[in-house]
Amino acid sequence: MILKSILKVADSAHKVDKMKDSITIGLLGGLIGAITSDLTSAVFYKAKKTEATFSHTAAQFFVTPTSLRRKNRMVLGQLLHLSVGSVLGIPLVYILKKTGKDHYLSKGLTASLLTWIILYHGGQKFGLIKKPIYVKTHHTSLWSHIIYGLTSAKAIVWLADPAIFTSSAKLMAKNPSQHFAHSVAGPDAREHNDAFTQSETPYLH
C-alpha cells in the first residue's frame, strides 16, 4: 500500500508541467529547500544536538534571545527564515542558467556554504545573532545549510524546463571542431577569416 502510494506520487511528479520563469522557479525551489532544512533543524533540536532551530535564530533579528519562547515571535522567525530561503533560490537559478545544470548539486552545496558564512557567521559578528555556547550548534547549522543547498538545487532542476539551462559542454558536443577553432583563434581572427571568405567568393563563379 505504501509502495503503491510512493509510485503514484512519483508518477504524478513526472507529469508536472515544467516552468520557464526564473523568479518563480527560484522562489519555489528555495522554499522547498528552506522547509527541508527547517525540518532537519527541528530534528536536531529535538535530539538536543543544537541550542536553537532556524526559527529561533531568525527570530533574533526581531527580538532579544530571552523572549524567543513566545509563540508570536517564533512565528516571525519562521516567516523570516522561509522568506530568506525562498529568495536565495533566485540567484541559484541564474547560476545554473549561466553555467548549466551539470554538477548542480555541487553548485547548490557551494551556494549554501557561502550563505552559511555570510548570514550565520556574519550575523554573529555584527551582533544580530547570539553566539552559541556549544560547538555542536555550529555543526548542526552547517549540516542544515548543506541540506538546504542540495535540496534547493535539486528542486530547481526538477521544476525548471531543461531548455532554460545552457551548457558549454552541449555547445561543444554539437560542433567540437568549430568550438575549438573559435576558442583558439579569438574574435579578431574570426573577423579576418570572414572577410577573406567574402573576398574570395566572386572568383568561385
N, C-alpha and C. Protein backbone atom coordinates (compact mmCIF):
# COMPACT_ATOMS: atom_id res chain seq x y z
N MET A 1 0.84 -1.20 0.00
CA MET A 1 0.00 0.00 0.00
C MET A 1 0.87 1.25 0.00
N ILE A 2 1.87 1.27 0.87
CA ILE A 2 2.76 2.43 0.96
C ILE A 2 3.57 2.57 -0.33
N LEU A 3 4.06 1.42 -0.83
CA LEU A 3 4.84 1.42 -2.06
C LEU A 3 4.01 1.94 -3.23
N LYS A 4 2.75 1.53 -3.28
CA LYS A 4 1.86 1.98 -4.34
C LYS A 4 1.65 3.50 -4.27
N SER A 5 1.53 4.03 -3.07
CA SER A 5 1.35 5.47 -2.89
C SER A 5 2.59 6.24 -3.35
N ILE A 6 3.76 5.71 -3.01
CA ILE A 6 5.02 6.36 -3.41
C ILE A 6 5.15 6.38 -4.93
N LEU A 7 4.83 5.25 -5.57
CA LEU A 7 4.90 5.18 -7.03
C LEU A 7 3.90 6.12 -7.69
N LYS A 8 2.74 6.27 -7.07
CA LYS A 8 1.72 7.16 -7.60
C LYS A 8 2.18 8.61 -7.54
N VAL A 9 2.80 8.98 -6.41
CA VAL A 9 3.31 10.35 -6.26
C VAL A 9 4.43 10.61 -7.26
N ALA A 10 5.32 9.62 -7.43
CA ALA A 10 6.43 9.77 -8.38
C ALA A 10 5.92 9.92 -9.80
N ASP A 11 4.88 9.15 -10.14
CA ASP A 11 4.30 9.23 -11.48
C ASP A 11 3.66 10.59 -11.71
N SER A 12 2.99 11.10 -10.69
CA SER A 12 2.37 12.43 -10.80
C SER A 12 3.43 13.52 -10.94
N ALA A 13 4.55 13.34 -10.26
CA ALA A 13 5.62 14.34 -10.31
C ALA A 13 6.18 14.48 -11.72
N HIS A 14 6.26 13.36 -12.44
CA HIS A 14 6.80 13.40 -13.81
C HIS A 14 5.86 14.13 -14.76
N LYS A 15 4.57 14.19 -14.40
CA LYS A 15 3.58 14.80 -15.27
C LYS A 15 3.44 16.30 -15.02
N VAL A 16 4.11 16.84 -14.01
CA VAL A 16 4.02 18.26 -13.70
C VAL A 16 4.66 19.07 -14.83
N ASP A 17 3.95 20.10 -15.28
CA ASP A 17 4.48 20.96 -16.34
C ASP A 17 5.71 21.68 -15.84
N LYS A 18 6.75 21.70 -16.65
CA LYS A 18 7.99 22.37 -16.28
C LYS A 18 7.86 23.88 -16.46
N MET A 19 8.53 24.63 -15.61
CA MET A 19 8.43 26.08 -15.62
C MET A 19 9.59 26.71 -16.38
N LYS A 20 9.35 27.94 -16.87
CA LYS A 20 10.39 28.68 -17.57
C LYS A 20 10.68 30.03 -16.92
N ASP A 21 9.84 30.44 -16.00
CA ASP A 21 10.05 31.73 -15.33
C ASP A 21 11.08 31.57 -14.22
N SER A 22 12.21 32.26 -14.34
CA SER A 22 13.33 32.08 -13.41
C SER A 22 12.98 32.49 -11.98
N ILE A 23 12.24 33.57 -11.82
CA ILE A 23 11.89 34.05 -10.48
C ILE A 23 11.01 33.03 -9.75
N THR A 24 9.99 32.56 -10.45
CA THR A 24 9.08 31.58 -9.84
C THR A 24 9.81 30.30 -9.48
N ILE A 25 10.66 29.83 -10.40
CA ILE A 25 11.43 28.62 -10.13
C ILE A 25 12.32 28.80 -8.91
N GLY A 26 13.00 29.96 -8.83
CA GLY A 26 13.89 30.23 -7.70
C GLY A 26 13.15 30.32 -6.38
N LEU A 27 12.01 31.00 -6.38
CA LEU A 27 11.23 31.13 -5.14
C LEU A 27 10.71 29.78 -4.65
N LEU A 28 10.18 28.98 -5.57
CA LEU A 28 9.65 27.67 -5.17
C LEU A 28 10.77 26.71 -4.76
N GLY A 29 11.85 26.71 -5.55
CA GLY A 29 12.98 25.84 -5.21
C GLY A 29 13.61 26.21 -3.89
N GLY A 30 13.77 27.52 -3.65
CA GLY A 30 14.33 27.98 -2.37
C GLY A 30 13.41 27.68 -1.21
N LEU A 31 12.09 27.79 -1.45
CA LEU A 31 11.12 27.49 -0.39
C LEU A 31 11.16 26.02 -0.01
N ILE A 32 11.25 25.15 -1.02
CA ILE A 32 11.35 23.71 -0.74
C ILE A 32 12.61 23.41 0.06
N GLY A 33 13.72 24.05 -0.32
CA GLY A 33 14.97 23.87 0.42
C GLY A 33 14.86 24.38 1.84
N ALA A 34 14.20 25.54 2.02
CA ALA A 34 14.05 26.13 3.35
C ALA A 34 13.20 25.25 4.27
N ILE A 35 12.12 24.71 3.72
CA ILE A 35 11.25 23.83 4.52
C ILE A 35 12.00 22.57 4.93
N THR A 36 12.76 22.00 3.99
CA THR A 36 13.52 20.78 4.29
C THR A 36 14.57 21.03 5.36
N SER A 37 15.30 22.14 5.22
CA SER A 37 16.33 22.47 6.22
C SER A 37 15.72 22.80 7.56
N ASP A 38 14.52 23.40 7.54
CA ASP A 38 13.84 23.73 8.80
C ASP A 38 13.43 22.45 9.53
N LEU A 39 12.94 21.47 8.79
CA LEU A 39 12.59 20.19 9.40
C LEU A 39 13.83 19.49 9.97
N THR A 40 14.93 19.58 9.22
CA THR A 40 16.19 19.00 9.70
C THR A 40 16.65 19.67 10.98
N SER A 41 16.55 20.99 11.00
CA SER A 41 16.94 21.75 12.19
C SER A 41 16.07 21.38 13.39
N ALA A 42 14.77 21.18 13.14
CA ALA A 42 13.86 20.80 14.23
C ALA A 42 14.19 19.42 14.78
N VAL A 43 14.60 18.50 13.90
CA VAL A 43 15.00 17.15 14.34
C VAL A 43 16.25 17.24 15.21
N PHE A 44 17.23 18.03 14.79
CA PHE A 44 18.44 18.23 15.59
C PHE A 44 18.10 18.83 16.96
N TYR A 45 17.15 19.76 16.98
CA TYR A 45 16.77 20.43 18.23
C TYR A 45 16.07 19.44 19.17
N LYS A 46 15.20 18.60 18.61
CA LYS A 46 14.52 17.58 19.42
C LYS A 46 15.50 16.59 20.01
N ALA A 47 16.55 16.29 19.24
CA ALA A 47 17.56 15.33 19.69
C ALA A 47 18.62 15.99 20.59
N LYS A 48 18.43 17.28 20.85
CA LYS A 48 19.34 18.05 21.70
C LYS A 48 20.76 18.11 21.13
N LYS A 49 20.81 18.20 19.79
CA LYS A 49 22.10 18.34 19.12
C LYS A 49 22.42 19.79 18.79
N THR A 50 21.47 20.68 19.08
CA THR A 50 21.67 22.10 18.82
C THR A 50 20.92 22.93 19.86
N GLU A 51 21.35 24.15 20.04
CA GLU A 51 20.71 25.03 21.02
C GLU A 51 19.50 25.76 20.46
N ALA A 52 19.41 25.84 19.13
CA ALA A 52 18.32 26.61 18.52
C ALA A 52 18.00 26.08 17.13
N THR A 53 16.74 26.22 16.75
CA THR A 53 16.33 25.90 15.39
C THR A 53 16.57 27.12 14.50
N PHE A 54 16.32 26.98 13.20
CA PHE A 54 16.42 28.13 12.31
C PHE A 54 15.42 29.21 12.69
N SER A 55 14.26 28.80 13.17
CA SER A 55 13.24 29.77 13.59
C SER A 55 13.74 30.60 14.77
N HIS A 56 14.40 29.94 15.74
CA HIS A 56 14.97 30.65 16.89
C HIS A 56 16.02 31.67 16.41
N THR A 57 16.88 31.21 15.51
CA THR A 57 17.97 32.07 15.04
C THR A 57 17.42 33.27 14.27
N ALA A 58 16.47 33.03 13.36
CA ALA A 58 15.90 34.11 12.56
C ALA A 58 15.12 35.10 13.42
N ALA A 59 14.46 34.60 14.47
CA ALA A 59 13.67 35.48 15.34
C ALA A 59 14.54 36.49 16.08
N GLN A 60 15.82 36.19 16.22
CA GLN A 60 16.72 37.11 16.92
C GLN A 60 16.94 38.42 16.16
N PHE A 61 16.56 38.44 14.88
CA PHE A 61 16.63 39.69 14.12
C PHE A 61 15.54 40.66 14.57
N PHE A 62 14.50 40.14 15.26
CA PHE A 62 13.38 40.97 15.69
C PHE A 62 13.38 41.22 17.19
N VAL A 63 13.75 40.18 17.96
CA VAL A 63 13.62 40.27 19.42
C VAL A 63 14.90 39.78 20.08
N THR A 64 14.99 39.98 21.38
CA THR A 64 16.14 39.50 22.14
C THR A 64 16.03 38.00 22.37
N PRO A 65 17.15 37.30 22.51
CA PRO A 65 17.12 35.85 22.72
C PRO A 65 16.30 35.40 23.92
N THR A 66 16.19 36.25 24.94
CA THR A 66 15.48 35.86 26.17
C THR A 66 13.97 35.79 25.97
N SER A 67 13.45 36.42 24.90
CA SER A 67 12.00 36.42 24.70
C SER A 67 11.58 35.54 23.52
N LEU A 68 12.41 34.61 23.15
CA LEU A 68 12.13 33.78 21.99
C LEU A 68 11.06 32.73 22.24
N ARG A 69 10.74 32.46 23.49
CA ARG A 69 9.79 31.38 23.78
C ARG A 69 8.35 31.76 23.45
N ARG A 70 8.09 33.03 23.23
CA ARG A 70 6.73 33.43 22.92
C ARG A 70 6.39 33.03 21.49
N LYS A 71 5.19 32.46 21.32
CA LYS A 71 4.82 31.86 20.05
C LYS A 71 4.76 32.87 18.91
N ASN A 72 4.20 34.07 19.19
CA ASN A 72 4.06 35.04 18.11
C ASN A 72 5.42 35.49 17.58
N ARG A 73 6.43 35.51 18.43
CA ARG A 73 7.76 35.90 17.98
C ARG A 73 8.45 34.77 17.24
N MET A 74 8.12 33.55 17.59
CA MET A 74 8.65 32.41 16.86
C MET A 74 8.07 32.36 15.45
N VAL A 75 6.82 32.79 15.33
CA VAL A 75 6.18 32.83 14.01
C VAL A 75 6.92 33.83 13.11
N LEU A 76 7.32 34.96 13.67
CA LEU A 76 8.09 35.94 12.91
C LEU A 76 9.41 35.34 12.42
N GLY A 77 10.06 34.60 13.30
CA GLY A 77 11.31 33.95 12.92
C GLY A 77 11.10 32.92 11.82
N GLN A 78 10.01 32.17 11.93
CA GLN A 78 9.70 31.15 10.92
C GLN A 78 9.45 31.80 9.57
N LEU A 79 8.68 32.88 9.56
CA LEU A 79 8.37 33.58 8.31
C LEU A 79 9.63 34.17 7.69
N LEU A 80 10.50 34.74 8.52
CA LEU A 80 11.74 35.32 8.01
C LEU A 80 12.63 34.24 7.40
N HIS A 81 12.75 33.13 8.11
CA HIS A 81 13.59 32.04 7.62
C HIS A 81 13.10 31.51 6.27
N LEU A 82 11.79 31.26 6.16
CA LEU A 82 11.24 30.75 4.91
C LEU A 82 11.34 31.77 3.79
N SER A 83 11.15 33.05 4.13
CA SER A 83 11.23 34.11 3.12
C SER A 83 12.65 34.25 2.57
N VAL A 84 13.63 34.28 3.48
CA VAL A 84 15.03 34.41 3.06
C VAL A 84 15.45 33.19 2.24
N GLY A 85 15.08 32.00 2.72
CA GLY A 85 15.41 30.78 2.00
C GLY A 85 14.80 30.74 0.61
N SER A 86 13.57 31.25 0.50
CA SER A 86 12.89 31.28 -0.79
C SER A 86 13.57 32.24 -1.75
N VAL A 87 13.91 33.43 -1.28
CA VAL A 87 14.55 34.44 -2.13
C VAL A 87 15.95 34.00 -2.57
N LEU A 88 16.66 33.30 -1.70
CA LEU A 88 18.02 32.85 -2.04
C LEU A 88 18.02 31.80 -3.15
N GLY A 89 16.86 31.25 -3.45
CA GLY A 89 16.78 30.31 -4.56
C GLY A 89 16.91 30.99 -5.92
N ILE A 90 16.60 32.30 -5.96
CA ILE A 90 16.64 33.04 -7.24
C ILE A 90 18.06 33.13 -7.81
N PRO A 91 19.06 33.61 -7.03
CA PRO A 91 20.41 33.64 -7.61
C PRO A 91 20.93 32.26 -8.00
N LEU A 92 20.49 31.23 -7.29
CA LEU A 92 20.93 29.87 -7.64
C LEU A 92 20.41 29.47 -9.02
N VAL A 93 19.18 29.91 -9.35
CA VAL A 93 18.64 29.64 -10.68
C VAL A 93 19.51 30.27 -11.75
N TYR A 94 19.90 31.54 -11.53
CA TYR A 94 20.70 32.25 -12.54
C TYR A 94 22.11 31.67 -12.64
N ILE A 95 22.63 31.16 -11.55
CA ILE A 95 23.93 30.48 -11.60
C ILE A 95 23.84 29.23 -12.48
N LEU A 96 22.76 28.47 -12.29
CA LEU A 96 22.57 27.26 -13.08
C LEU A 96 22.26 27.58 -14.55
N LYS A 97 21.54 28.68 -14.78
CA LYS A 97 21.26 29.08 -16.16
C LYS A 97 22.54 29.49 -16.87
N LYS A 98 23.42 30.15 -16.15
CA LYS A 98 24.65 30.64 -16.76
C LYS A 98 25.68 29.54 -16.96
N THR A 99 25.79 28.65 -16.01
CA THR A 99 26.85 27.63 -16.05
C THR A 99 26.36 26.26 -16.51
N GLY A 100 25.03 26.09 -16.59
CA GLY A 100 24.49 24.79 -16.95
C GLY A 100 24.13 23.98 -15.72
N LYS A 101 23.27 22.99 -15.90
CA LYS A 101 22.81 22.21 -14.75
C LYS A 101 23.69 21.00 -14.45
N ASP A 102 24.77 20.83 -15.21
CA ASP A 102 25.69 19.74 -14.89
C ASP A 102 26.36 20.04 -13.55
N HIS A 103 26.49 19.04 -12.71
CA HIS A 103 27.05 19.18 -11.34
C HIS A 103 26.23 20.17 -10.51
N TYR A 104 24.92 20.16 -10.69
CA TYR A 104 24.08 21.13 -9.99
C TYR A 104 24.11 20.96 -8.47
N LEU A 105 24.31 19.75 -7.98
CA LEU A 105 24.38 19.55 -6.53
C LEU A 105 25.63 20.21 -5.94
N SER A 106 26.74 20.14 -6.67
CA SER A 106 27.96 20.80 -6.21
C SER A 106 27.78 22.31 -6.17
N LYS A 107 27.08 22.84 -7.15
CA LYS A 107 26.83 24.29 -7.19
C LYS A 107 25.88 24.71 -6.07
N GLY A 108 24.88 23.88 -5.80
CA GLY A 108 23.97 24.17 -4.69
C GLY A 108 24.69 24.10 -3.35
N LEU A 109 25.60 23.13 -3.22
CA LEU A 109 26.39 23.00 -2.00
C LEU A 109 27.27 24.22 -1.78
N THR A 110 27.94 24.68 -2.84
CA THR A 110 28.80 25.86 -2.73
C THR A 110 27.99 27.10 -2.33
N ALA A 111 26.83 27.27 -2.95
CA ALA A 111 25.97 28.42 -2.63
C ALA A 111 25.52 28.37 -1.17
N SER A 112 25.19 27.18 -0.67
CA SER A 112 24.73 27.06 0.71
C SER A 112 25.85 27.35 1.71
N LEU A 113 27.07 26.95 1.37
CA LEU A 113 28.21 27.23 2.26
C LEU A 113 28.48 28.73 2.33
N LEU A 114 28.37 29.42 1.19
CA LEU A 114 28.54 30.88 1.18
C LEU A 114 27.45 31.55 2.01
N THR A 115 26.22 31.03 1.90
CA THR A 115 25.11 31.57 2.69
C THR A 115 25.36 31.37 4.17
N TRP A 116 25.85 30.21 4.54
CA TRP A 116 26.15 29.92 5.95
C TRP A 116 27.19 30.88 6.50
N ILE A 117 28.22 31.13 5.72
CA ILE A 117 29.29 32.04 6.18
C ILE A 117 28.77 33.47 6.32
N ILE A 118 28.02 33.93 5.31
CA ILE A 118 27.56 35.33 5.30
C ILE A 118 26.49 35.58 6.35
N LEU A 119 25.44 34.76 6.36
CA LEU A 119 24.32 35.01 7.26
C LEU A 119 24.59 34.55 8.69
N TYR A 120 25.07 33.32 8.84
CA TYR A 120 25.25 32.76 10.18
C TYR A 120 26.42 33.41 10.91
N HIS A 121 27.58 33.37 10.31
CA HIS A 121 28.75 33.95 10.97
C HIS A 121 28.75 35.48 10.90
N GLY A 122 28.26 36.02 9.78
CA GLY A 122 28.15 37.47 9.67
C GLY A 122 27.18 38.04 10.69
N GLY A 123 26.06 37.34 10.90
CA GLY A 123 25.08 37.80 11.90
C GLY A 123 25.65 37.80 13.30
N GLN A 124 26.49 36.82 13.62
CA GLN A 124 27.13 36.77 14.94
C GLN A 124 28.17 37.88 15.09
N LYS A 125 28.91 38.11 14.01
CA LYS A 125 29.98 39.11 14.05
C LYS A 125 29.42 40.51 14.30
N PHE A 126 28.28 40.80 13.70
CA PHE A 126 27.68 42.12 13.85
C PHE A 126 26.64 42.19 14.97
N GLY A 127 26.57 41.15 15.78
CA GLY A 127 25.70 41.16 16.95
C GLY A 127 24.22 40.96 16.67
N LEU A 128 23.88 40.51 15.47
CA LEU A 128 22.47 40.28 15.15
C LEU A 128 21.99 38.92 15.66
N ILE A 129 22.92 37.99 15.82
CA ILE A 129 22.61 36.65 16.29
C ILE A 129 23.49 36.34 17.50
N LYS A 130 22.88 35.75 18.51
CA LYS A 130 23.64 35.37 19.70
C LYS A 130 24.59 34.21 19.38
N LYS A 131 25.82 34.32 19.83
CA LYS A 131 26.80 33.26 19.61
C LYS A 131 26.45 32.04 20.44
N PRO A 132 26.40 30.86 19.84
CA PRO A 132 26.08 29.64 20.58
C PRO A 132 27.16 29.31 21.62
N ILE A 133 26.75 28.58 22.63
CA ILE A 133 27.68 28.18 23.68
C ILE A 133 28.44 26.93 23.25
N TYR A 134 27.74 26.00 22.61
CA TYR A 134 28.34 24.70 22.26
C TYR A 134 28.73 24.64 20.79
N VAL A 135 29.82 23.95 20.53
CA VAL A 135 30.32 23.79 19.16
C VAL A 135 29.34 22.98 18.31
N LYS A 136 28.61 22.07 18.94
CA LYS A 136 27.69 21.21 18.19
C LYS A 136 26.62 22.03 17.47
N THR A 137 26.30 23.21 17.99
CA THR A 137 25.31 24.06 17.33
C THR A 137 25.83 24.56 15.99
N HIS A 138 27.13 24.88 15.93
CA HIS A 138 27.74 25.28 14.66
C HIS A 138 27.68 24.13 13.65
N HIS A 139 27.95 22.92 14.14
CA HIS A 139 27.97 21.76 13.25
C HIS A 139 26.58 21.48 12.67
N THR A 140 25.57 21.52 13.51
CA THR A 140 24.21 21.24 13.03
C THR A 140 23.72 22.34 12.09
N SER A 141 24.12 23.57 12.38
CA SER A 141 23.75 24.67 11.49
C SER A 141 24.37 24.47 10.11
N LEU A 142 25.63 24.05 10.09
CA LEU A 142 26.30 23.79 8.82
C LEU A 142 25.60 22.68 8.05
N TRP A 143 25.26 21.58 8.74
CA TRP A 143 24.59 20.47 8.07
C TRP A 143 23.22 20.88 7.52
N SER A 144 22.51 21.69 8.29
CA SER A 144 21.19 22.14 7.84
C SER A 144 21.31 23.02 6.60
N HIS A 145 22.35 23.87 6.55
CA HIS A 145 22.57 24.70 5.37
C HIS A 145 22.96 23.86 4.16
N ILE A 146 23.76 22.83 4.40
CA ILE A 146 24.15 21.94 3.30
C ILE A 146 22.91 21.26 2.71
N ILE A 147 22.03 20.79 3.58
CA ILE A 147 20.79 20.16 3.13
C ILE A 147 19.94 21.15 2.35
N TYR A 148 19.93 22.41 2.81
CA TYR A 148 19.19 23.46 2.08
C TYR A 148 19.73 23.61 0.66
N GLY A 149 21.05 23.71 0.51
CA GLY A 149 21.65 23.90 -0.80
C GLY A 149 21.39 22.74 -1.75
N LEU A 150 21.54 21.52 -1.23
CA LEU A 150 21.33 20.33 -2.07
C LEU A 150 19.87 20.19 -2.48
N THR A 151 18.97 20.41 -1.51
CA THR A 151 17.54 20.27 -1.80
C THR A 151 17.05 21.35 -2.75
N SER A 152 17.51 22.59 -2.54
CA SER A 152 17.10 23.70 -3.41
C SER A 152 17.55 23.46 -4.85
N ALA A 153 18.81 23.05 -5.01
CA ALA A 153 19.33 22.80 -6.35
C ALA A 153 18.55 21.68 -7.04
N LYS A 154 18.27 20.62 -6.30
CA LYS A 154 17.51 19.50 -6.85
C LYS A 154 16.11 19.95 -7.24
N ALA A 155 15.46 20.73 -6.39
CA ALA A 155 14.11 21.21 -6.66
C ALA A 155 14.07 22.13 -7.87
N ILE A 156 15.07 22.99 -8.00
CA ILE A 156 15.13 23.92 -9.13
C ILE A 156 15.26 23.16 -10.44
N VAL A 157 16.16 22.19 -10.48
CA VAL A 157 16.36 21.39 -11.70
C VAL A 157 15.10 20.59 -12.03
N TRP A 158 14.42 20.10 -11.02
CA TRP A 158 13.20 19.33 -11.21
C TRP A 158 12.05 20.21 -11.71
N LEU A 159 11.94 21.43 -11.19
CA LEU A 159 10.84 22.33 -11.55
C LEU A 159 11.03 22.97 -12.92
N ALA A 160 12.29 23.23 -13.29
CA ALA A 160 12.58 24.04 -14.47
C ALA A 160 12.53 23.25 -15.76
N ASP A 161 12.13 23.93 -16.81
CA ASP A 161 12.22 23.37 -18.15
C ASP A 161 13.70 23.24 -18.52
N PRO A 162 14.16 22.08 -18.96
CA PRO A 162 15.58 21.90 -19.29
C PRO A 162 16.11 22.89 -20.31
N ALA A 163 15.20 23.47 -21.10
CA ALA A 163 15.62 24.40 -22.16
C ALA A 163 16.20 25.70 -21.61
N ILE A 164 15.90 26.04 -20.34
CA ILE A 164 16.40 27.32 -19.81
C ILE A 164 17.87 27.23 -19.40
N PHE A 165 18.39 26.01 -19.29
CA PHE A 165 19.78 25.84 -18.87
C PHE A 165 20.69 25.76 -20.09
N THR A 166 21.80 26.49 -20.03
CA THR A 166 22.80 26.42 -21.10
C THR A 166 24.02 25.70 -20.57
N SER A 167 24.75 25.07 -21.47
CA SER A 167 25.95 24.35 -21.07
C SER A 167 26.98 24.39 -22.18
N SER A 168 28.20 24.79 -21.84
CA SER A 168 29.28 24.82 -22.81
C SER A 168 29.57 23.42 -23.34
N ALA A 169 29.32 22.42 -22.50
CA ALA A 169 29.55 21.04 -22.93
C ALA A 169 28.59 20.65 -24.05
N LYS A 170 27.34 21.12 -23.97
CA LYS A 170 26.37 20.82 -25.01
C LYS A 170 26.75 21.51 -26.31
N LEU A 171 27.19 22.78 -26.22
CA LEU A 171 27.59 23.51 -27.41
C LEU A 171 28.78 22.84 -28.08
N MET A 172 29.72 22.39 -27.30
CA MET A 172 30.90 21.75 -27.83
C MET A 172 30.56 20.40 -28.45
N ALA A 173 29.57 19.72 -27.87
CA ALA A 173 29.18 18.41 -28.39
C ALA A 173 28.54 18.54 -29.78
N LYS A 174 27.85 19.66 -30.01
CA LYS A 174 27.20 19.85 -31.31
C LYS A 174 28.23 20.06 -32.43
N ASN A 175 29.27 20.86 -32.16
CA ASN A 175 30.28 21.14 -33.17
C ASN A 175 31.63 21.33 -32.50
N PRO A 176 32.28 20.26 -32.09
CA PRO A 176 33.52 20.37 -31.31
C PRO A 176 34.65 21.04 -32.06
N SER A 177 34.79 20.78 -33.38
CA SER A 177 35.90 21.36 -34.14
C SER A 177 35.75 22.86 -34.29
N GLN A 178 34.50 23.33 -34.54
CA GLN A 178 34.27 24.77 -34.67
C GLN A 178 34.44 25.46 -33.33
N HIS A 179 33.96 24.81 -32.26
CA HIS A 179 34.09 25.40 -30.93
C HIS A 179 35.57 25.56 -30.56
N PHE A 180 36.37 24.54 -30.87
CA PHE A 180 37.79 24.60 -30.54
C PHE A 180 38.50 25.67 -31.36
N ALA A 181 38.18 25.74 -32.67
CA ALA A 181 38.82 26.72 -33.54
C ALA A 181 38.49 28.14 -33.12
N HIS A 182 37.23 28.36 -32.76
CA HIS A 182 36.81 29.70 -32.33
C HIS A 182 37.48 30.10 -31.03
N SER A 183 37.59 29.15 -30.10
CA SER A 183 38.17 29.47 -28.81
C SER A 183 39.66 29.76 -28.92
N VAL A 184 40.35 29.10 -29.88
CA VAL A 184 41.78 29.31 -30.06
C VAL A 184 42.06 30.56 -30.87
N ALA A 185 41.28 30.75 -31.96
CA ALA A 185 41.56 31.85 -32.86
C ALA A 185 41.20 33.20 -32.28
N GLY A 186 40.10 33.27 -31.54
CA GLY A 186 39.68 34.54 -30.97
C GLY A 186 38.82 35.31 -31.95
N PRO A 187 38.15 36.39 -31.48
CA PRO A 187 37.21 37.14 -32.31
C PRO A 187 37.88 37.83 -33.49
N ASP A 188 39.11 38.39 -33.31
CA ASP A 188 39.78 39.11 -34.39
C ASP A 188 40.08 38.19 -35.56
N ALA A 189 40.56 36.98 -35.26
CA ALA A 189 40.88 36.03 -36.31
C ALA A 189 39.63 35.59 -37.06
N ARG A 190 38.51 35.43 -36.33
CA ARG A 190 37.27 35.03 -36.98
C ARG A 190 36.78 36.11 -37.94
N GLU A 191 36.90 37.40 -37.53
CA GLU A 191 36.51 38.50 -38.40
C GLU A 191 37.37 38.53 -39.65
N HIS A 192 38.67 38.32 -39.48
CA HIS A 192 39.59 38.31 -40.62
C HIS A 192 39.25 37.16 -41.57
N ASN A 193 38.92 36.01 -41.00
CA ASN A 193 38.58 34.85 -41.81
C ASN A 193 37.30 35.07 -42.60
N ASP A 194 36.29 35.73 -41.96
CA ASP A 194 35.04 36.03 -42.65
C ASP A 194 35.28 36.98 -43.81
N ALA A 195 36.13 38.00 -43.59
CA ALA A 195 36.43 38.97 -44.64
C ALA A 195 37.16 38.30 -45.81
N PHE A 196 38.08 37.41 -45.50
CA PHE A 196 38.83 36.69 -46.52
C PHE A 196 37.89 35.81 -47.36
N THR A 197 36.95 35.16 -46.69
CA THR A 197 36.00 34.28 -47.37
C THR A 197 35.13 35.07 -48.34
N GLN A 198 34.69 36.28 -47.88
CA GLN A 198 33.85 37.12 -48.72
C GLN A 198 34.61 37.61 -49.95
N SER A 199 35.90 37.96 -49.77
CA SER A 199 36.69 38.47 -50.89
C SER A 199 36.98 37.39 -51.91
N GLU A 200 37.02 36.12 -51.46
CA GLU A 200 37.32 35.02 -52.36
C GLU A 200 36.09 34.51 -53.11
N THR A 201 34.89 34.85 -52.58
CA THR A 201 33.67 34.31 -53.15
C THR A 201 33.46 34.61 -54.62
N PRO A 202 33.71 35.88 -55.14
CA PRO A 202 33.47 36.20 -56.56
C PRO A 202 34.26 35.31 -57.50
N TYR A 203 35.44 34.85 -57.11
CA TYR A 203 36.29 34.08 -58.00
C TYR A 203 35.82 32.63 -58.15
N LEU A 204 34.82 32.26 -57.35
CA LEU A 204 34.30 30.91 -57.45
C LEU A 204 33.29 30.76 -58.56
N HIS A 205 32.78 31.91 -59.08
CA HIS A 205 31.75 31.87 -60.13
C HIS A 205 32.39 31.84 -61.52
